């Protein structure tokens, strides 16, 4: 639970000090559901804080992997970037 608390405070501090234009920047957050480095519940806390506290548009996806990336995630990121930059 300490890691969740620490993560929540870090995100809150980051967005409280962010420039207003950064609050309008959409975020893609891909995460491994088996990640042992940054646990999956930490993603949920970070996403919730960005969405609720900062009003940031977050697209979040989980993938059956550890602390890594996979072709499915890269494809999702590519499609997300294409949509955001269109």
PDB file of N, CA and C in Angstrom:
ATOM      1  N   UNK A   1       0.815  -1.192   0.000  1.00  0.00           N
ATOM      2  CA  UNK A   1       0.000   0.000   0.000  1.00  0.00           C
ATOM      3  C   UNK A   1       0.858   1.255   0.000  1.00  0.00           C
ATOM      4  N   UNK A   2       2.047   1.197   0.569  1.00  0.00           N
ATOM      5  CA  UNK A   2       2.926   2.346   0.587  1.00  0.00           C
ATOM      6  C   UNK A   2       3.273   2.797  -0.829  1.00  0.00           C
ATOM      7  N   UNK A   3       3.493   1.846  -1.743  1.00  0.00           N
ATOM      8  CA  UNK A   3       3.825   2.223  -3.118  1.00  0.00           C
ATOM      9  C   UNK A   3       2.661   2.955  -3.783  1.00  0.00           C
ATOM     10  N   UNK A   4       1.438   2.551  -3.478  1.00  0.00           N
ATOM     11  CA  UNK A   4       0.285   3.241  -4.045  1.00  0.00           C
ATOM     12  C   UNK A   4       0.222   4.671  -3.536  1.00  0.00           C
ATOM     13  N   UNK A   5       0.448   4.840  -2.243  1.00  0.00           N
ATOM     14  CA  UNK A   5       0.410   6.173  -1.631  1.00  0.00           C
ATOM     15  C   UNK A   5       1.497   7.054  -2.245  1.00  0.00           C
ATOM     16  N   UNK A   6       2.690   6.513  -2.358  1.00  0.00           N
ATOM     17  CA  UNK A   6       3.801   7.271  -2.926  1.00  0.00           C
ATOM     18  C   UNK A   6       3.496   7.660  -4.371  1.00  0.00           C
ATOM     19  N   UNK A   7       2.998   6.720  -5.141  1.00  0.00           N
ATOM     20  CA  UNK A   7       2.677   6.987  -6.541  1.00  0.00           C
ATOM     21  C   UNK A   7       1.601   8.064  -6.659  1.00  0.00           C
ATOM     22  N   UNK A   8       0.578   7.968  -5.847  1.00  0.00           N
ATOM     23  CA  UNK A   8      -0.505   8.951  -5.896  1.00  0.00           C
ATOM     24  C   UNK A   8       0.017  10.342  -5.580  1.00  0.00           C
ATOM     25  N   UNK A   9       0.850  10.456  -4.565  1.00  0.00           N
ATOM     26  CA  UNK A   9       1.401  11.768  -4.213  1.00  0.00           C
ATOM     27  C   UNK A   9       2.290  12.315  -5.314  1.00  0.00           C
ATOM     28  N   UNK A  10       3.072  11.444  -5.943  1.00  0.00           N
ATOM     29  CA  UNK A  10       3.959  11.898  -7.019  1.00  0.00           C
ATOM     30  C   UNK A  10       3.159  12.438  -8.201  1.00  0.00           C
ATOM     31  N   UNK A  11       2.107  11.722  -8.620  1.00  0.00           N
ATOM     32  CA  UNK A  11       1.287  12.192  -9.738  1.00  0.00           C
ATOM     33  C   UNK A  11       0.574  13.488  -9.386  1.00  0.00           C
ATOM     34  N   UNK A  12       0.036  13.564  -8.183  1.00  0.00           N
ATOM     35  CA  UNK A  12      -0.677  14.772  -7.774  1.00  0.00           C
ATOM     36  C   UNK A  12       0.259  15.968  -7.794  1.00  0.00           C
ATOM     37  N   UNK A  13       1.448  15.825  -7.250  1.00  0.00           N
ATOM     38  CA  UNK A  13       2.416  16.920  -7.230  1.00  0.00           C
ATOM     39  C   UNK A  13       2.829  17.311  -8.650  1.00  0.00           C
ATOM     40  N   UNK A  14       3.051  16.319  -9.483  1.00  0.00           N
ATOM     41  CA  UNK A  14       3.443  16.585 -10.868  1.00  0.00           C
ATOM     42  C   UNK A  14       2.401  17.441 -11.584  1.00  0.00           C
ATOM     43  N   UNK A  15       1.123  17.043 -11.491  1.00  0.00           N
ATOM     44  CA  UNK A  15       0.085  17.756 -12.223  1.00  0.00           C
ATOM     45  C   UNK A  15      -0.306  19.076 -11.582  1.00  0.00           C
ATOM     46  N   UNK A  16      -0.125  19.212 -10.284  1.00  0.00           N
ATOM     47  CA  UNK A  16      -0.397  20.500  -9.651  1.00  0.00           C
ATOM     48  C   UNK A  16       0.599  21.544 -10.119  1.00  0.00           C
ATOM     49  N   UNK A  17       1.802  21.098 -10.470  1.00  0.00           N
ATOM     50  CA  UNK A  17       2.851  22.013 -10.910  1.00  0.00           C
ATOM     51  C   UNK A  17       3.006  22.070 -12.427  1.00  0.00           C
ATOM     52  N   UNK A  18       2.184  21.365 -13.142  1.00  0.00           N
ATOM     53  CA  UNK A  18       2.280  21.333 -14.606  1.00  0.00           C
ATOM     54  C   UNK A  18       1.722  22.613 -15.213  1.00  0.00           C
ATOM     55  N   UNK A  19       2.299  23.015 -16.316  1.00  0.00           N
ATOM     56  CA  UNK A  19       1.796  24.163 -17.059  1.00  0.00           C
ATOM     57  C   UNK A  19       0.418  23.814 -17.616  1.00  0.00           C
ATOM     58  N   UNK A  20      -0.473  24.790 -17.698  1.00  0.00           N
ATOM     59  CA  UNK A  20      -1.838  24.537 -18.156  1.00  0.00           C
ATOM     60  C   UNK A  20      -1.890  23.845 -19.517  1.00  0.00           C
ATOM     61  N   UNK A  21      -0.982  24.205 -20.423  1.00  0.00           N
ATOM     62  CA  UNK A  21      -1.002  23.585 -21.751  1.00  0.00           C
ATOM     63  C   UNK A  21      -0.719  22.088 -21.672  1.00  0.00           C
ATOM     64  N   UNK A  22       0.029  21.651 -20.670  1.00  0.00           N
ATOM     65  CA  UNK A  22       0.314  20.224 -20.519  1.00  0.00           C
ATOM     66  C   UNK A  22      -0.907  19.447 -20.062  1.00  0.00           C
ATOM     67  N   UNK A  23      -1.826  20.099 -19.406  1.00  0.00           N
ATOM     68  CA  UNK A  23      -3.037  19.431 -18.944  1.00  0.00           C
ATOM     69  C   UNK A  23      -3.930  19.053 -20.132  1.00  0.00           C
ATOM     70  N   UNK A  24      -3.731  19.683 -21.262  1.00  0.00           N
ATOM     71  CA  UNK A  24      -4.521  19.406 -22.461  1.00  0.00           C
ATOM     72  C   UNK A  24      -3.869  18.338 -23.340  1.00  0.00           C
ATOM     73  N   UNK A  25      -2.702  17.864 -22.935  1.00  0.00           N
ATOM     74  CA  UNK A  25      -1.991  16.860 -23.712  1.00  0.00           C
ATOM     75  C   UNK A  25      -2.539  15.473 -23.391  1.00  0.00           C
ATOM     76  N   UNK A  26      -3.072  14.760 -24.389  1.00  0.00           N
ATOM     77  CA  UNK A  26      -3.575  13.410 -24.132  1.00  0.00           C
ATOM     78  C   UNK A  26      -2.428  12.457 -23.808  1.00  0.00           C
ATOM     79  N   UNK A  27      -2.742  11.426 -23.062  1.00  0.00           N
ATOM     80  CA  UNK A  27      -1.729  10.467 -22.603  1.00  0.00           C
ATOM     81  C   UNK A  27      -2.140   9.058 -23.011  1.00  0.00           C
ATOM     82  N   UNK A  28      -1.182   8.305 -23.559  1.00  0.00           N
ATOM     83  CA  UNK A  28      -1.369   6.878 -23.776  1.00  0.00           C
ATOM     84  C   UNK A  28      -0.557   6.167 -22.696  1.00  0.00           C
ATOM     85  N   UNK A  29      -1.209   5.256 -21.978  1.00  0.00           N
ATOM     86  CA  UNK A  29      -0.523   4.530 -20.914  1.00  0.00           C
ATOM     87  C   UNK A  29      -0.742   3.044 -21.119  1.00  0.00           C
ATOM     88  N   UNK A  30       0.281   2.376 -21.628  1.00  0.00           N
ATOM     89  CA  UNK A  30       0.252   0.936 -21.777  1.00  0.00           C
ATOM     90  C   UNK A  30       0.989   0.302 -20.608  1.00  0.00           C
ATOM     91  N   UNK A  31       0.491  -0.839 -20.143  1.00  0.00           N
ATOM     92  CA  UNK A  31       1.098  -1.430 -18.947  1.00  0.00           C
ATOM     93  C   UNK A  31       0.930  -2.944 -18.979  1.00  0.00           C
ATOM     94  N   UNK A  32       1.950  -3.620 -18.496  1.00  0.00           N
ATOM     95  CA  UNK A  32       1.893  -5.069 -18.399  1.00  0.00           C
ATOM     96  C   UNK A  32       1.124  -5.518 -17.162  1.00  0.00           C
ATOM     97  N   UNK A  33       0.148  -6.378 -17.369  1.00  0.00           N
ATOM     98  CA  UNK A  33      -0.663  -6.844 -16.235  1.00  0.00           C
ATOM     99  C   UNK A  33       0.134  -7.758 -15.299  1.00  0.00           C
ATOM    100  N   UNK A  34       1.312  -8.219 -15.741  1.00  0.00           N
ATOM    101  CA  UNK A  34       2.165  -9.073 -14.915  1.00  0.00           C
ATOM    102  C   UNK A  34       3.447  -8.344 -14.515  1.00  0.00           C
ATOM    103  N   UNK A  35       3.437  -7.033 -14.592  1.00  0.00           N
ATOM    104  CA  UNK A  35       4.617  -6.222 -14.297  1.00  0.00           C
ATOM    105  C   UNK A  35       4.948  -6.303 -12.810  1.00  0.00           C
ATOM    106  N   UNK A  36       6.149  -6.735 -12.491  1.00  0.00           N
ATOM    107  CA  UNK A  36       6.589  -6.808 -11.105  1.00  0.00           C
ATOM    108  C   UNK A  36       7.403  -5.600 -10.697  1.00  0.00           C
ATOM    109  N   UNK A  37       7.767  -4.745 -11.658  1.00  0.00           N
ATOM    110  CA  UNK A  37       8.551  -3.549 -11.367  1.00  0.00           C
ATOM    111  C   UNK A  37       7.640  -2.392 -10.976  1.00  0.00           C
ATOM    112  N   UNK A  38       6.687  -2.100 -11.833  1.00  0.00           N
ATOM    113  CA  UNK A  38       5.645  -1.112 -11.546  1.00  0.00           C
ATOM    114  C   UNK A  38       4.352  -1.912 -11.556  1.00  0.00           C
ATOM    115  N   UNK A  39       3.860  -2.253 -10.399  1.00  0.00           N
ATOM    116  CA  UNK A  39       2.729  -3.178 -10.314  1.00  0.00           C
ATOM    117  C   UNK A  39       1.484  -2.618 -10.987  1.00  0.00           C
ATOM    118  N   UNK A  40       0.651  -3.533 -11.429  1.00  0.00           N
ATOM    119  CA  UNK A  40      -0.573  -3.150 -12.148  1.00  0.00           C
ATOM    120  C   UNK A  40      -1.470  -2.209 -11.338  1.00  0.00           C
ATOM    121  N   UNK A  41      -1.646  -2.415 -10.037  1.00  0.00           N
ATOM    122  CA  UNK A  41      -2.487  -1.467  -9.277  1.00  0.00           C
ATOM    123  C   UNK A  41      -1.955  -0.034  -9.283  1.00  0.00           C
ATOM    124  N   UNK A  42      -0.649   0.133  -9.434  1.00  0.00           N
ATOM    125  CA  UNK A  42      -0.086   1.483  -9.504  1.00  0.00           C
ATOM    126  C   UNK A  42      -0.572   2.192 -10.768  1.00  0.00           C
ATOM    127  N   UNK A  43      -0.712   1.432 -11.873  1.00  0.00           N
ATOM    128  CA  UNK A  43      -1.248   2.031 -13.087  1.00  0.00           C
ATOM    129  C   UNK A  43      -2.651   2.553 -12.836  1.00  0.00           C
ATOM    130  N   UNK A  44      -3.472   1.781 -12.171  1.00  0.00           N
ATOM    131  CA  UNK A  44      -4.852   2.196 -11.909  1.00  0.00           C
ATOM    132  C   UNK A  44      -4.892   3.485 -11.100  1.00  0.00           C
ATOM    133  N   UNK A  45      -4.014   3.606 -10.117  1.00  0.00           N
ATOM    134  CA  UNK A  45      -3.950   4.830  -9.306  1.00  0.00           C
ATOM    135  C   UNK A  45      -3.515   6.010 -10.176  1.00  0.00           C
ATOM    136  N   UNK A  46      -2.471   5.812 -10.968  1.00  0.00           N
ATOM    137  CA  UNK A  46      -1.977   6.892 -11.822  1.00  0.00           C
ATOM    138  C   UNK A  46      -3.003   7.346 -12.843  1.00  0.00           C
ATOM    139  N   UNK A  47      -3.660   6.396 -13.477  1.00  0.00           N
ATOM    140  CA  UNK A  47      -4.680   6.724 -14.476  1.00  0.00           C
ATOM    141  C   UNK A  47      -5.824   7.494 -13.821  1.00  0.00           C
ATOM    142  N   UNK A  48      -6.289   7.019 -12.675  1.00  0.00           N
ATOM    143  CA  UNK A  48      -7.394   7.689 -11.979  1.00  0.00           C
ATOM    144  C   UNK A  48      -7.020   9.109 -11.586  1.00  0.00           C
ATOM    145  N   UNK A  49      -5.814   9.297 -11.095  1.00  0.00           N
ATOM    146  CA  UNK A  49      -5.392  10.643 -10.713  1.00  0.00           C
ATOM    147  C   UNK A  49      -5.305  11.569 -11.914  1.00  0.00           C
ATOM    148  N   UNK A  50      -4.752  11.065 -13.007  1.00  0.00           N
ATOM    149  CA  UNK A  50      -4.656  11.901 -14.201  1.00  0.00           C
ATOM    150  C   UNK A  50      -6.037  12.272 -14.720  1.00  0.00           C
ATOM    151  N   UNK A  51      -6.951  11.317 -14.739  1.00  0.00           N
ATOM    152  CA  UNK A  51      -8.286  11.575 -15.265  1.00  0.00           C
ATOM    153  C   UNK A  51      -9.113  12.447 -14.330  1.00  0.00           C
ATOM    154  N   UNK A  52      -9.198  12.067 -13.078  1.00  0.00           N
ATOM    155  CA  UNK A  52     -10.096  12.750 -12.136  1.00  0.00           C
ATOM    156  C   UNK A  52      -9.517  14.027 -11.572  1.00  0.00           C
ATOM    157  N   UNK A  53      -8.257  13.957 -11.140  1.00  0.00           N
ATOM    158  CA  UNK A  53      -7.665  15.110 -10.471  1.00  0.00           C
ATOM    159  C   UNK A  53      -7.219  16.173 -11.466  1.00  0.00           C
ATOM    160  N   UNK A  54      -6.617  15.731 -12.559  1.00  0.00           N
ATOM    161  CA  UNK A  54      -6.046  16.691 -13.503  1.00  0.00           C
ATOM    162  C   UNK A  54      -6.900  16.881 -14.744  1.00  0.00           C
ATOM    163  N   UNK A  55      -7.907  16.050 -14.942  1.00  0.00           N
ATOM    164  CA  UNK A  55      -8.757  16.184 -16.110  1.00  0.00           C
ATOM    165  C   UNK A  55      -8.063  15.835 -17.412  1.00  0.00           C
ATOM    166  N   UNK A  56      -7.042  15.003 -17.346  1.00  0.00           N
ATOM    167  CA  UNK A  56      -6.268  14.623 -18.526  1.00  0.00           C
ATOM    168  C   UNK A  56      -6.985  13.486 -19.255  1.00  0.00           C
ATOM    169  N   UNK A  57      -6.985  13.547 -20.582  1.00  0.00           N
ATOM    170  CA  UNK A  57      -7.558  12.473 -21.398  1.00  0.00           C
ATOM    171  C   UNK A  57      -6.539  11.346 -21.474  1.00  0.00           C
ATOM    172  N   UNK A  58      -6.816  10.257 -20.758  1.00  0.00           N
ATOM    173  CA  UNK A  58      -5.890   9.121 -20.705  1.00  0.00           C
ATOM    174  C   UNK A  58      -6.507   7.927 -21.411  1.00  0.00           C
ATOM    175  N   UNK A  59      -5.769   7.392 -22.371  1.00  0.00           N
ATOM    176  CA  UNK A  59      -6.122   6.115 -22.982  1.00  0.00           C
ATOM    177  C   UNK A  59      -5.205   5.097 -22.338  1.00  0.00           C
ATOM    178  N   UNK A  60      -5.774   4.124 -21.643  1.00  0.00           N
ATOM    179  CA  UNK A  60      -4.937   3.139 -20.968  1.00  0.00           C
ATOM    180  C   UNK A  60      -5.321   1.742 -21.420  1.00  0.00           C
ATOM    181  N   UNK A  61      -4.287   0.951 -21.609  1.00  0.00           N
ATOM    182  CA  UNK A  61      -4.458  -0.424 -22.053  1.00  0.00           C
ATOM    183  C   UNK A  61      -3.532  -1.315 -21.226  1.00  0.00           C
ATOM    184  N   UNK A  62      -3.966  -2.522 -20.989  1.00  0.00           N
ATOM    185  CA  UNK A  62      -3.100  -3.486 -20.314  1.00  0.00           C
ATOM    186  C   UNK A  62      -2.825  -4.648 -21.261  1.00  0.00           C
ATOM    187  N   UNK A  63      -1.671  -5.251 -21.060  1.00  0.00           N
ATOM    188  CA  UNK A  63      -1.214  -6.333 -21.925  1.00  0.00           C
ATOM    189  C   UNK A  63      -0.668  -7.460 -21.055  1.00  0.00           C
ATOM    190  N   UNK A  64      -0.848  -8.709 -21.461  1.00  0.00           N
ATOM    191  CA  UNK A  64      -0.372  -9.834 -20.663  1.00  0.00           C
ATOM    192  C   UNK A  64       1.143  -9.990 -20.782  1.00  0.00           C
ATOM    193  N   UNK A  65       1.869  -9.125 -20.084  1.00  0.00           N
ATOM    194  CA  UNK A  65       3.333  -9.128 -20.153  1.00  0.00           C
ATOM    195  C   UNK A  65       3.892  -8.576 -18.848  1.00  0.00           C
ATOM    196  N   UNK A  66       5.197  -8.642 -18.721  1.00  0.00           N
ATOM    197  CA  UNK A  66       5.892  -8.091 -17.566  1.00  0.00           C
ATOM    198  C   UNK A  66       6.203  -6.617 -17.843  1.00  0.00           C
ATOM    199  N   UNK A  67       7.301  -6.110 -17.292  1.00  0.00           N
ATOM    200  CA  UNK A  67       7.751  -4.726 -17.483  1.00  0.00           C
ATOM    201  C   UNK A  67       8.483  -4.674 -18.823  1.00  0.00           C
ATOM    202  N   UNK A  68       7.713  -4.529 -19.892  1.00  0.00           N
ATOM    203  CA  UNK A  68       8.260  -4.670 -21.237  1.00  0.00           C
ATOM    204  C   UNK A  68       7.325  -3.989 -22.224  1.00  0.00           C
ATOM    205  N   UNK A  69       7.467  -4.327 -23.480  1.00  0.00           N
ATOM    206  CA  UNK A  69       6.515  -3.902 -24.506  1.00  0.00           C
ATOM    207  C   UNK A  69       6.252  -5.095 -25.414  1.00  0.00           C
ATOM    208  N   UNK A  70       5.187  -5.004 -26.187  1.00  0.00           N
ATOM    209  CA  UNK A  70       4.845  -6.103 -27.086  1.00  0.00           C
ATOM    210  C   UNK A  70       4.289  -5.509 -28.384  1.00  0.00           C
ATOM    211  N   UNK A  71       4.192  -6.331 -29.411  1.00  0.00           N
ATOM    212  CA  UNK A  71       3.706  -5.847 -30.703  1.00  0.00           C
ATOM    213  C   UNK A  71       2.298  -5.271 -30.610  1.00  0.00           C
ATOM    214  N   UNK A  72       1.446  -5.882 -29.802  1.00  0.00           N
ATOM    215  CA  UNK A  72       0.082  -5.373 -29.650  1.00  0.00           C
ATOM    216  C   UNK A  72       0.086  -3.957 -29.068  1.00  0.00           C
ATOM    217  N   UNK A  73       0.934  -3.733 -28.067  1.00  0.00           N
ATOM    218  CA  UNK A  73       1.031  -2.404 -27.463  1.00  0.00           C
ATOM    219  C   UNK A  73       1.565  -1.386 -28.472  1.00  0.00           C
ATOM    220  N   UNK A  74       2.573  -1.751 -29.210  1.00  0.00           N
ATOM    221  CA  UNK A  74       3.149  -0.840 -30.211  1.00  0.00           C
ATOM    222  C   UNK A  74       2.098  -0.502 -31.268  1.00  0.00           C
ATOM    223  N   UNK A  75       1.315  -1.481 -31.686  1.00  0.00           N
ATOM    224  CA  UNK A  75       0.240  -1.233 -32.652  1.00  0.00           C
ATOM    225  C   UNK A  75      -0.819  -0.301 -32.085  1.00  0.00           C
ATOM    226  N   UNK A  76      -1.209  -0.518 -30.823  1.00  0.00           N
ATOM    227  CA  UNK A  76      -2.188   0.366 -30.182  1.00  0.00           C
ATOM    228  C   UNK A  76      -1.652   1.787 -30.068  1.00  0.00           C
ATOM    229  N   UNK A  77      -0.377   1.905 -29.697  1.00  0.00           N
ATOM    230  CA  UNK A  77       0.246   3.223 -29.594  1.00  0.00           C
ATOM    231  C   UNK A  77       0.288   3.919 -30.949  1.00  0.00           C
ATOM    232  N   UNK A  78       0.619   3.175 -32.001  1.00  0.00           N
ATOM    233  CA  UNK A  78       0.663   3.755 -33.351  1.00  0.00           C
ATOM    234  C   UNK A  78      -0.707   4.284 -33.746  1.00  0.00           C
ATOM    235  N   UNK A  79      -1.743   3.473 -33.550  1.00  0.00           N
ATOM    236  CA  UNK A  79      -3.100   3.906 -33.903  1.00  0.00           C
ATOM    237  C   UNK A  79      -3.540   5.108 -33.054  1.00  0.00           C
ATOM    238  N   UNK A  80      -3.169   5.107 -31.786  1.00  0.00           N
ATOM    239  CA  UNK A  80      -3.505   6.232 -30.908  1.00  0.00           C
ATOM    240  C   UNK A  80      -2.810   7.512 -31.389  1.00  0.00           C
ATOM    241  N   UNK A  81      -1.531   7.399 -31.716  1.00  0.00           N
ATOM    242  CA  UNK A  81      -0.801   8.571 -32.228  1.00  0.00           C
ATOM    243  C   UNK A  81      -1.395   9.085 -33.527  1.00  0.00           C
ATOM    244  N   UNK A  82      -1.739   8.175 -34.418  1.00  0.00           N
ATOM    245  CA  UNK A  82      -2.351   8.587 -35.687  1.00  0.00           C
ATOM    246  C   UNK A  82      -3.642   9.354 -35.428  1.00  0.00           C
ATOM    247  N   UNK A  83      -4.447   8.886 -34.493  1.00  0.00           N
ATOM    248  CA  UNK A  83      -5.722   9.549 -34.180  1.00  0.00           C
ATOM    249  C   UNK A  83      -5.488  10.906 -33.512  1.00  0.00           C
ATOM    250  N   UNK A  84      -4.542  10.967 -32.596  1.00  0.00           N
ATOM    251  CA  UNK A  84      -4.272  12.210 -31.867  1.00  0.00           C
ATOM    252  C   UNK A  84      -3.672  13.270 -32.796  1.00  0.00           C
ATOM    253  N   UNK A  85      -2.819  12.844 -33.707  1.00  0.00           N
ATOM    254  CA  UNK A  85      -2.134  13.793 -34.587  1.00  0.00           C
ATOM    255  C   UNK A  85      -2.909  14.113 -35.858  1.00  0.00           C
ATOM    256  N   UNK A  86      -4.047  13.452 -36.063  1.00  0.00           N
ATOM    257  CA  UNK A  86      -4.825  13.682 -37.287  1.00  0.00           C
ATOM    258  C   UNK A  86      -5.462  15.067 -37.280  1.00  0.00           C
TER     259      UNK A  86
END
